[in-house]
């Protein structure tokens, strides 16, 4: 089965994805459980370091993410870039 991402404003198809099978979903859930068990074993300081780095990467790529938001939900780009949007 295909899943389509459609811009609600223009009705253009942004992307088309293959849906995961039930087995693939179960595999991804199990991987997330394993990752979480590793995460909770880290010290708060170490987790803070990872979260800080992730926030830097998000800020560095905010134009890319704003474009994706614009396409996915049909928002004007200025609202997609907004911190409160």
PDB file of N, CA and C in Angstrom:
ATOM      1  N   UNK A   1       0.840  -1.168   0.000  1.00  0.00           N
ATOM      2  CA  UNK A   1       0.000   0.000   0.000  1.00  0.00           C
ATOM      3  C   UNK A   1       0.894   1.243   0.000  1.00  0.00           C
ATOM      4  N   UNK A   2       0.477   2.249  -0.726  1.00  0.00           N
ATOM      5  CA  UNK A   2       1.207   3.511  -0.803  1.00  0.00           C
ATOM      6  C   UNK A   2       0.534   4.549   0.098  1.00  0.00           C
ATOM      7  N   UNK A   3       1.353   5.363   0.727  1.00  0.00           N
ATOM      8  CA  UNK A   3       0.873   6.479   1.525  1.00  0.00           C
ATOM      9  C   UNK A   3       1.348   7.748   0.829  1.00  0.00           C
ATOM     10  N   UNK A   4       0.426   8.689   0.626  1.00  0.00           N
ATOM     11  CA  UNK A   4       0.767   9.939  -0.044  1.00  0.00           C
ATOM     12  C   UNK A   4       0.724  11.101   0.928  1.00  0.00           C
ATOM     13  N   UNK A   5       1.698  11.976   0.791  1.00  0.00           N
ATOM     14  CA  UNK A   5       1.698  13.252   1.492  1.00  0.00           C
ATOM     15  C   UNK A   5       1.207  14.288   0.489  1.00  0.00           C
ATOM     16  N   UNK A   6       0.073  14.922   0.811  1.00  0.00           N
ATOM     17  CA  UNK A   6      -0.540  15.875  -0.113  1.00  0.00           C
ATOM     18  C   UNK A   6      -0.582  17.255   0.527  1.00  0.00           C
ATOM     19  N   UNK A   7      -0.136  18.267  -0.210  1.00  0.00           N
ATOM     20  CA  UNK A   7      -0.228  19.645   0.243  1.00  0.00           C
ATOM     21  C   UNK A   7      -1.708  20.029   0.212  1.00  0.00           C
ATOM     22  N   UNK A   8      -2.309  20.358   1.375  1.00  0.00           N
ATOM     23  CA  UNK A   8      -3.737  20.647   1.395  1.00  0.00           C
ATOM     24  C   UNK A   8      -4.111  21.945   0.683  1.00  0.00           C
ATOM     25  N   UNK A   9      -3.159  22.837   0.493  1.00  0.00           N
ATOM     26  CA  UNK A   9      -3.439  24.106  -0.178  1.00  0.00           C
ATOM     27  C   UNK A   9      -3.420  23.950  -1.693  1.00  0.00           C
ATOM     28  N   UNK A  10      -2.390  23.271  -2.210  1.00  0.00           N
ATOM     29  CA  UNK A  10      -2.249  23.130  -3.665  1.00  0.00           C
ATOM     30  C   UNK A  10      -2.783  21.796  -4.180  1.00  0.00           C
ATOM     31  N   UNK A  11      -2.993  20.846  -3.278  1.00  0.00           N
ATOM     32  CA  UNK A  11      -3.404  19.473  -3.600  1.00  0.00           C
ATOM     33  C   UNK A  11      -2.368  18.711  -4.421  1.00  0.00           C
ATOM     34  N   UNK A  12      -1.136  19.207  -4.420  1.00  0.00           N
ATOM     35  CA  UNK A  12      -0.045  18.490  -5.078  1.00  0.00           C
ATOM     36  C   UNK A  12       0.458  17.382  -4.169  1.00  0.00           C
ATOM     37  N   UNK A  13       0.874  16.259  -4.773  1.00  0.00           N
ATOM     38  CA  UNK A  13       1.466  15.176  -4.005  1.00  0.00           C
ATOM     39  C   UNK A  13       2.923  15.533  -3.728  1.00  0.00           C
ATOM     40  N   UNK A  14       3.255  15.615  -2.442  1.00  0.00           N
ATOM     41  CA  UNK A  14       4.627  15.932  -2.047  1.00  0.00           C
ATOM     42  C   UNK A  14       5.532  14.724  -2.171  1.00  0.00           C
ATOM     43  N   UNK A  15       5.123  13.634  -1.529  1.00  0.00           N
ATOM     44  CA  UNK A  15       5.904  12.412  -1.474  1.00  0.00           C
ATOM     45  C   UNK A  15       4.964  11.225  -1.454  1.00  0.00           C
ATOM     46  N   UNK A  16       5.473  10.089  -1.890  1.00  0.00           N
ATOM     47  CA  UNK A  16       4.738   8.834  -1.797  1.00  0.00           C
ATOM     48  C   UNK A  16       5.634   7.825  -1.089  1.00  0.00           C
ATOM     49  N   UNK A  17       5.043   7.137  -0.116  1.00  0.00           N
ATOM     50  CA  UNK A  17       5.793   6.179   0.693  1.00  0.00           C
ATOM     51  C   UNK A  17       5.152   4.801   0.595  1.00  0.00           C
ATOM     52  N   UNK A  18       5.965   3.779   0.766  1.00  0.00           N
ATOM     53  CA  UNK A  18       5.434   2.432   0.945  1.00  0.00           C
ATOM     54  C   UNK A  18       5.096   2.263   2.415  1.00  0.00           C
ATOM     55  N   UNK A  19       3.910   1.768   2.700  1.00  0.00           N
ATOM     56  CA  UNK A  19       3.519   1.516   4.089  1.00  0.00           C
ATOM     57  C   UNK A  19       4.340   0.350   4.630  1.00  0.00           C
ATOM     58  N   UNK A  20       4.642   0.404   5.909  1.00  0.00           N
ATOM     59  CA  UNK A  20       5.350  -0.700   6.552  1.00  0.00           C
ATOM     60  C   UNK A  20       4.377  -1.853   6.796  1.00  0.00           C
ATOM     61  N   UNK A  21       4.886  -3.044   6.710  1.00  0.00           N
ATOM     62  CA  UNK A  21       4.068  -4.205   7.054  1.00  0.00           C
ATOM     63  C   UNK A  21       3.928  -4.277   8.578  1.00  0.00           C
ATOM     64  N   UNK A  22       3.013  -5.090   9.032  1.00  0.00           N
ATOM     65  CA  UNK A  22       2.832  -5.267  10.471  1.00  0.00           C
ATOM     66  C   UNK A  22       4.139  -5.739  11.115  1.00  0.00           C
ATOM     67  N   UNK A  23       4.812  -6.672  10.460  1.00  0.00           N
ATOM     68  CA  UNK A  23       6.086  -7.181  10.975  1.00  0.00           C
ATOM     69  C   UNK A  23       7.151  -6.097  11.063  1.00  0.00           C
ATOM     70  N   UNK A  24       7.229  -5.242  10.032  1.00  0.00           N
ATOM     71  CA  UNK A  24       8.178  -4.130  10.063  1.00  0.00           C
ATOM     72  C   UNK A  24       7.871  -3.173  11.209  1.00  0.00           C
ATOM     73  N   UNK A  25       6.584  -2.914  11.447  1.00  0.00           N
ATOM     74  CA  UNK A  25       6.195  -2.044  12.564  1.00  0.00           C
ATOM     75  C   UNK A  25       6.628  -2.654  13.894  1.00  0.00           C
ATOM     76  N   UNK A  26       6.408  -3.950  14.047  1.00  0.00           N
ATOM     77  CA  UNK A  26       6.829  -4.612  15.279  1.00  0.00           C
ATOM     78  C   UNK A  26       8.339  -4.517  15.463  1.00  0.00           C
ATOM     79  N   UNK A  27       9.094  -4.690  14.368  1.00  0.00           N
ATOM     80  CA  UNK A  27      10.551  -4.580  14.434  1.00  0.00           C
ATOM     81  C   UNK A  27      10.976  -3.179  14.875  1.00  0.00           C
ATOM     82  N   UNK A  28      10.340  -2.148  14.329  1.00  0.00           N
ATOM     83  CA  UNK A  28      10.675  -0.775  14.689  1.00  0.00           C
ATOM     84  C   UNK A  28      10.336  -0.484  16.149  1.00  0.00           C
ATOM     85  N   UNK A  29       9.224  -1.022  16.615  1.00  0.00           N
ATOM     86  CA  UNK A  29       8.841  -0.849  18.019  1.00  0.00           C
ATOM     87  C   UNK A  29       9.879  -1.505  18.926  1.00  0.00           C
ATOM     88  N   UNK A  30      10.318  -2.692  18.572  1.00  0.00           N
ATOM     89  CA  UNK A  30      11.323  -3.381  19.379  1.00  0.00           C
ATOM     90  C   UNK A  30      12.640  -2.606  19.392  1.00  0.00           C
ATOM     91  N   UNK A  31      13.041  -2.076  18.238  1.00  0.00           N
ATOM     92  CA  UNK A  31      14.267  -1.275  18.179  1.00  0.00           C
ATOM     93  C   UNK A  31      14.152  -0.039  19.061  1.00  0.00           C
ATOM     94  N   UNK A  32      12.968   0.577  19.086  1.00  0.00           N
ATOM     95  CA  UNK A  32      12.789   1.762  19.921  1.00  0.00           C
ATOM     96  C   UNK A  32      12.865   1.401  21.401  1.00  0.00           C
ATOM     97  N   UNK A  33      12.360   0.239  21.761  1.00  0.00           N
ATOM     98  CA  UNK A  33      12.446  -0.206  23.159  1.00  0.00           C
ATOM     99  C   UNK A  33      13.894  -0.432  23.576  1.00  0.00           C
ATOM    100  N   UNK A  34      14.670  -1.045  22.702  1.00  0.00           N
ATOM    101  CA  UNK A  34      16.090  -1.281  22.977  1.00  0.00           C
ATOM    102  C   UNK A  34      16.822   0.061  23.118  1.00  0.00           C
ATOM    103  N   UNK A  35      16.530   0.998  22.196  1.00  0.00           N
ATOM    104  CA  UNK A  35      17.173   2.315  22.259  1.00  0.00           C
ATOM    105  C   UNK A  35      16.799   3.039  23.546  1.00  0.00           C
ATOM    106  N   UNK A  36      15.530   2.949  23.941  1.00  0.00           N
ATOM    107  CA  UNK A  36      15.093   3.627  25.163  1.00  0.00           C
ATOM    108  C   UNK A  36      15.771   3.039  26.391  1.00  0.00           C
ATOM    109  N   UNK A  37      15.930   1.721  26.423  1.00  0.00           N
ATOM    110  CA  UNK A  37      16.587   1.118  27.584  1.00  0.00           C
ATOM    111  C   UNK A  37      18.031   1.604  27.698  1.00  0.00           C
ATOM    112  N   UNK A  38      18.687   1.845  26.577  1.00  0.00           N
ATOM    113  CA  UNK A  38      20.028   2.418  26.598  1.00  0.00           C
ATOM    114  C   UNK A  38      20.013   3.875  27.034  1.00  0.00           C
ATOM    115  N   UNK A  39      18.990   4.597  26.577  1.00  0.00           N
ATOM    116  CA  UNK A  39      18.858   6.019  26.899  1.00  0.00           C
ATOM    117  C   UNK A  39      18.676   6.237  28.401  1.00  0.00           C
ATOM    118  N   UNK A  40      17.784   5.475  29.017  1.00  0.00           N
ATOM    119  CA  UNK A  40      17.504   5.695  30.439  1.00  0.00           C
ATOM    120  C   UNK A  40      18.682   5.308  31.327  1.00  0.00           C
ATOM    121  N   UNK A  41      19.604   4.520  30.794  1.00  0.00           N
ATOM    122  CA  UNK A  41      20.769   4.148  31.595  1.00  0.00           C
ATOM    123  C   UNK A  41      21.845   5.238  31.591  1.00  0.00           C
ATOM    124  N   UNK A  42      21.699   6.251  30.715  1.00  0.00           N
ATOM    125  CA  UNK A  42      22.663   7.349  30.660  1.00  0.00           C
ATOM    126  C   UNK A  42      22.436   8.321  31.808  1.00  0.00           C
ATOM    127  N   UNK A  43      23.485   8.988  32.205  1.00  0.00           N
ATOM    128  CA  UNK A  43      23.359  10.015  33.244  1.00  0.00           C
ATOM    129  C   UNK A  43      22.585  11.213  32.684  1.00  0.00           C
ATOM    130  N   UNK A  44      22.034  12.004  33.579  1.00  0.00           N
ATOM    131  CA  UNK A  44      21.304  13.202  33.159  1.00  0.00           C
ATOM    132  C   UNK A  44      22.223  14.136  32.377  1.00  0.00           C
ATOM    133  N   UNK A  45      23.460  14.244  32.811  1.00  0.00           N
ATOM    134  CA  UNK A  45      24.420  15.097  32.107  1.00  0.00           C
ATOM    135  C   UNK A  45      24.656  14.648  30.678  1.00  0.00           C
ATOM    136  N   UNK A  46      24.799  13.347  30.495  1.00  0.00           N
ATOM    137  CA  UNK A  46      25.025  12.811  29.154  1.00  0.00           C
ATOM    138  C   UNK A  46      23.796  13.028  28.273  1.00  0.00           C
ATOM    139  N   UNK A  47      22.603  12.783  28.839  1.00  0.00           N
ATOM    140  CA  UNK A  47      21.366  13.010  28.076  1.00  0.00           C
ATOM    141  C   UNK A  47      21.233  14.477  27.685  1.00  0.00           C
ATOM    142  N   UNK A  48      21.596  15.362  28.614  1.00  0.00           N
ATOM    143  CA  UNK A  48      21.534  16.802  28.337  1.00  0.00           C
ATOM    144  C   UNK A  48      22.444  17.163  27.174  1.00  0.00           C
ATOM    145  N   UNK A  49      23.614  16.566  27.134  1.00  0.00           N
ATOM    146  CA  UNK A  49      24.543  16.805  26.027  1.00  0.00           C
ATOM    147  C   UNK A  49      23.924  16.398  24.698  1.00  0.00           C
ATOM    148  N   UNK A  50      23.301  15.223  24.650  1.00  0.00           N
ATOM    149  CA  UNK A  50      22.663  14.754  23.416  1.00  0.00           C
ATOM    150  C   UNK A  50      21.496  15.654  23.006  1.00  0.00           C
ATOM    151  N   UNK A  51      20.683  16.060  23.973  1.00  0.00           N
ATOM    152  CA  UNK A  51      19.538  16.930  23.674  1.00  0.00           C
ATOM    153  C   UNK A  51      20.023  18.284  23.163  1.00  0.00           C
ATOM    154  N   UNK A  52      21.069  18.817  23.762  1.00  0.00           N
ATOM    155  CA  UNK A  52      21.625  20.104  23.315  1.00  0.00           C
ATOM    156  C   UNK A  52      22.133  20.001  21.879  1.00  0.00           C
ATOM    157  N   UNK A  53      22.801  18.918  21.584  1.00  0.00           N
ATOM    158  CA  UNK A  53      23.312  18.723  20.214  1.00  0.00           C
ATOM    159  C   UNK A  53      22.157  18.583  19.224  1.00  0.00           C
ATOM    160  N   UNK A  54      21.127  17.868  19.606  1.00  0.00           N
ATOM    161  CA  UNK A  54      19.961  17.717  18.733  1.00  0.00           C
ATOM    162  C   UNK A  54      19.309  19.070  18.465  1.00  0.00           C
ATOM    163  N   UNK A  55      19.235  19.912  19.488  1.00  0.00           N
ATOM    164  CA  UNK A  55      18.632  21.237  19.294  1.00  0.00           C
ATOM    165  C   UNK A  55      19.475  22.086  18.351  1.00  0.00           C
ATOM    166  N   UNK A  56      20.790  21.950  18.414  1.00  0.00           N
ATOM    167  CA  UNK A  56      21.668  22.672  17.481  1.00  0.00           C
ATOM    168  C   UNK A  56      21.400  22.243  16.045  1.00  0.00           C
ATOM    169  N   UNK A  57      21.293  20.946  15.827  1.00  0.00           N
ATOM    170  CA  UNK A  57      21.046  20.420  14.479  1.00  0.00           C
ATOM    171  C   UNK A  57      19.692  20.911  13.966  1.00  0.00           C
ATOM    172  N   UNK A  58      18.672  20.891  14.819  1.00  0.00           N
ATOM    173  CA  UNK A  58      17.356  21.392  14.418  1.00  0.00           C
ATOM    174  C   UNK A  58      17.433  22.866  14.022  1.00  0.00           C
ATOM    175  N   UNK A  59      18.114  23.670  14.813  1.00  0.00           N
ATOM    176  CA  UNK A  59      18.248  25.100  14.487  1.00  0.00           C
ATOM    177  C   UNK A  59      19.017  25.311  13.193  1.00  0.00           C
ATOM    178  N   UNK A  60      20.078  24.543  12.981  1.00  0.00           N
ATOM    179  CA  UNK A  60      20.876  24.684  11.759  1.00  0.00           C
ATOM    180  C   UNK A  60      20.074  24.338  10.509  1.00  0.00           C
ATOM    181  N   UNK A  61      19.087  23.468  10.647  1.00  0.00           N
ATOM    182  CA  UNK A  61      18.308  23.004   9.494  1.00  0.00           C
ATOM    183  C   UNK A  61      16.887  23.549   9.463  1.00  0.00           C
ATOM    184  N   UNK A  62      16.627  24.657  10.175  1.00  0.00           N
ATOM    185  CA  UNK A  62      15.254  25.136  10.288  1.00  0.00           C
ATOM    186  C   UNK A  62      14.655  25.537   8.944  1.00  0.00           C
ATOM    187  N   UNK A  63      15.450  25.996   8.002  1.00  0.00           N
ATOM    188  CA  UNK A  63      14.907  26.330   6.676  1.00  0.00           C
ATOM    189  C   UNK A  63      14.403  25.078   5.960  1.00  0.00           C
ATOM    190  N   UNK A  64      15.151  24.006   6.077  1.00  0.00           N
ATOM    191  CA  UNK A  64      14.736  22.742   5.460  1.00  0.00           C
ATOM    192  C   UNK A  64      13.428  22.264   6.082  1.00  0.00           C
ATOM    193  N   UNK A  65      13.348  22.309   7.418  1.00  0.00           N
ATOM    194  CA  UNK A  65      12.138  21.854   8.112  1.00  0.00           C
ATOM    195  C   UNK A  65      10.949  22.764   7.805  1.00  0.00           C
ATOM    196  N   UNK A  66      11.211  24.071   7.677  1.00  0.00           N
ATOM    197  CA  UNK A  66      10.131  25.000   7.333  1.00  0.00           C
ATOM    198  C   UNK A  66       9.558  24.681   5.950  1.00  0.00           C
ATOM    199  N   UNK A  67      10.420  24.335   5.010  1.00  0.00           N
ATOM    200  CA  UNK A  67       9.947  23.952   3.667  1.00  0.00           C
ATOM    201  C   UNK A  67       9.090  22.689   3.732  1.00  0.00           C
ATOM    202  N   UNK A  68       9.499  21.737   4.540  1.00  0.00           N
ATOM    203  CA  UNK A  68       8.723  20.502   4.688  1.00  0.00           C
ATOM    204  C   UNK A  68       7.359  20.815   5.300  1.00  0.00           C
ATOM    205  N   UNK A  69       7.347  21.650   6.343  1.00  0.00           N
ATOM    206  CA  UNK A  69       6.078  22.036   6.973  1.00  0.00           C
ATOM    207  C   UNK A  69       5.180  22.743   5.967  1.00  0.00           C
ATOM    208  N   UNK A  70       5.763  23.636   5.192  1.00  0.00           N
ATOM    209  CA  UNK A  70       4.997  24.368   4.180  1.00  0.00           C
ATOM    210  C   UNK A  70       4.316  23.398   3.219  1.00  0.00           C
ATOM    211  N   UNK A  71       5.052  22.410   2.776  1.00  0.00           N
ATOM    212  CA  UNK A  71       4.500  21.432   1.836  1.00  0.00           C
ATOM    213  C   UNK A  71       3.497  20.487   2.497  1.00  0.00           C
ATOM    214  N   UNK A  72       3.801  20.060   3.712  1.00  0.00           N
ATOM    215  CA  UNK A  72       2.955  19.073   4.383  1.00  0.00           C
ATOM    216  C   UNK A  72       1.608  19.632   4.819  1.00  0.00           C
ATOM    217  N   UNK A  73       1.599  20.860   5.334  1.00  0.00           N
ATOM    218  CA  UNK A  73       0.339  21.373   5.866  1.00  0.00           C
ATOM    219  C   UNK A  73      -0.144  22.639   5.177  1.00  0.00           C
ATOM    220  N   UNK A  74       0.564  23.082   4.151  1.00  0.00           N
ATOM    221  CA  UNK A  74       0.099  24.208   3.353  1.00  0.00           C
ATOM    222  C   UNK A  74       0.228  25.562   4.022  1.00  0.00           C
ATOM    223  N   UNK A  75       1.101  25.670   5.020  1.00  0.00           N
ATOM    224  CA  UNK A  75       1.304  26.952   5.693  1.00  0.00           C
ATOM    225  C   UNK A  75       2.199  27.855   4.861  1.00  0.00           C
ATOM    226  N   UNK A  76       1.984  29.170   4.949  1.00  0.00           N
ATOM    227  CA  UNK A  76       2.951  30.088   4.339  1.00  0.00           C
ATOM    228  C   UNK A  76       4.313  29.897   5.012  1.00  0.00           C
ATOM    229  N   UNK A  77       5.374  30.115   4.264  1.00  0.00           N
ATOM    230  CA  UNK A  77       6.719  29.848   4.767  1.00  0.00           C
ATOM    231  C   UNK A  77       7.026  30.663   6.022  1.00  0.00           C
ATOM    232  N   UNK A  78       6.544  31.907   6.123  1.00  0.00           N
ATOM    233  CA  UNK A  78       6.844  32.719   7.306  1.00  0.00           C
ATOM    234  C   UNK A  78       6.243  32.103   8.564  1.00  0.00           C
ATOM    235  N   UNK A  79       5.077  31.466   8.447  1.00  0.00           N
ATOM    236  CA  UNK A  79       4.491  30.788   9.604  1.00  0.00           C
ATOM    237  C   UNK A  79       5.189  29.466   9.883  1.00  0.00           C
ATOM    238  N   UNK A  80       5.684  28.816   8.851  1.00  0.00           N
ATOM    239  CA  UNK A  80       6.426  27.563   9.036  1.00  0.00           C
ATOM    240  C   UNK A  80       7.731  27.783   9.778  1.00  0.00           C
ATOM    241  N   UNK A  81       8.306  28.975   9.628  1.00  0.00           N
ATOM    242  CA  UNK A  81       9.565  29.293  10.300  1.00  0.00           C
ATOM    243  C   UNK A  81       9.349  29.840  11.706  1.00  0.00           C
ATOM    244  N   UNK A  82       8.124  30.226  12.021  1.00  0.00           N
ATOM    245  CA  UNK A  82       7.823  30.854  13.294  1.00  0.00           C
ATOM    246  C   UNK A  82       8.061  29.887  14.451  1.00  0.00           C
ATOM    247  N   UNK A  83       8.556  30.402  15.556  1.00  0.00           N
ATOM    248  CA  UNK A  83       8.769  29.575  16.744  1.00  0.00           C
ATOM    249  C   UNK A  83       7.456  29.169  17.383  1.00  0.00           C
ATOM    250  N   UNK A  84       6.435  29.987  17.251  1.00  0.00           N
ATOM    251  CA  UNK A  84       5.164  29.719  17.908  1.00  0.00           C
ATOM    252  C   UNK A  84       4.170  29.031  16.996  1.00  0.00           C
ATOM    253  N   UNK A  85       4.524  28.807  15.744  1.00  0.00           N
ATOM    254  CA  UNK A  85       3.571  28.204  14.805  1.00  0.00           C
ATOM    255  C   UNK A  85       3.398  26.736  15.055  1.00  0.00           C
TER     256      UNK A  85
END
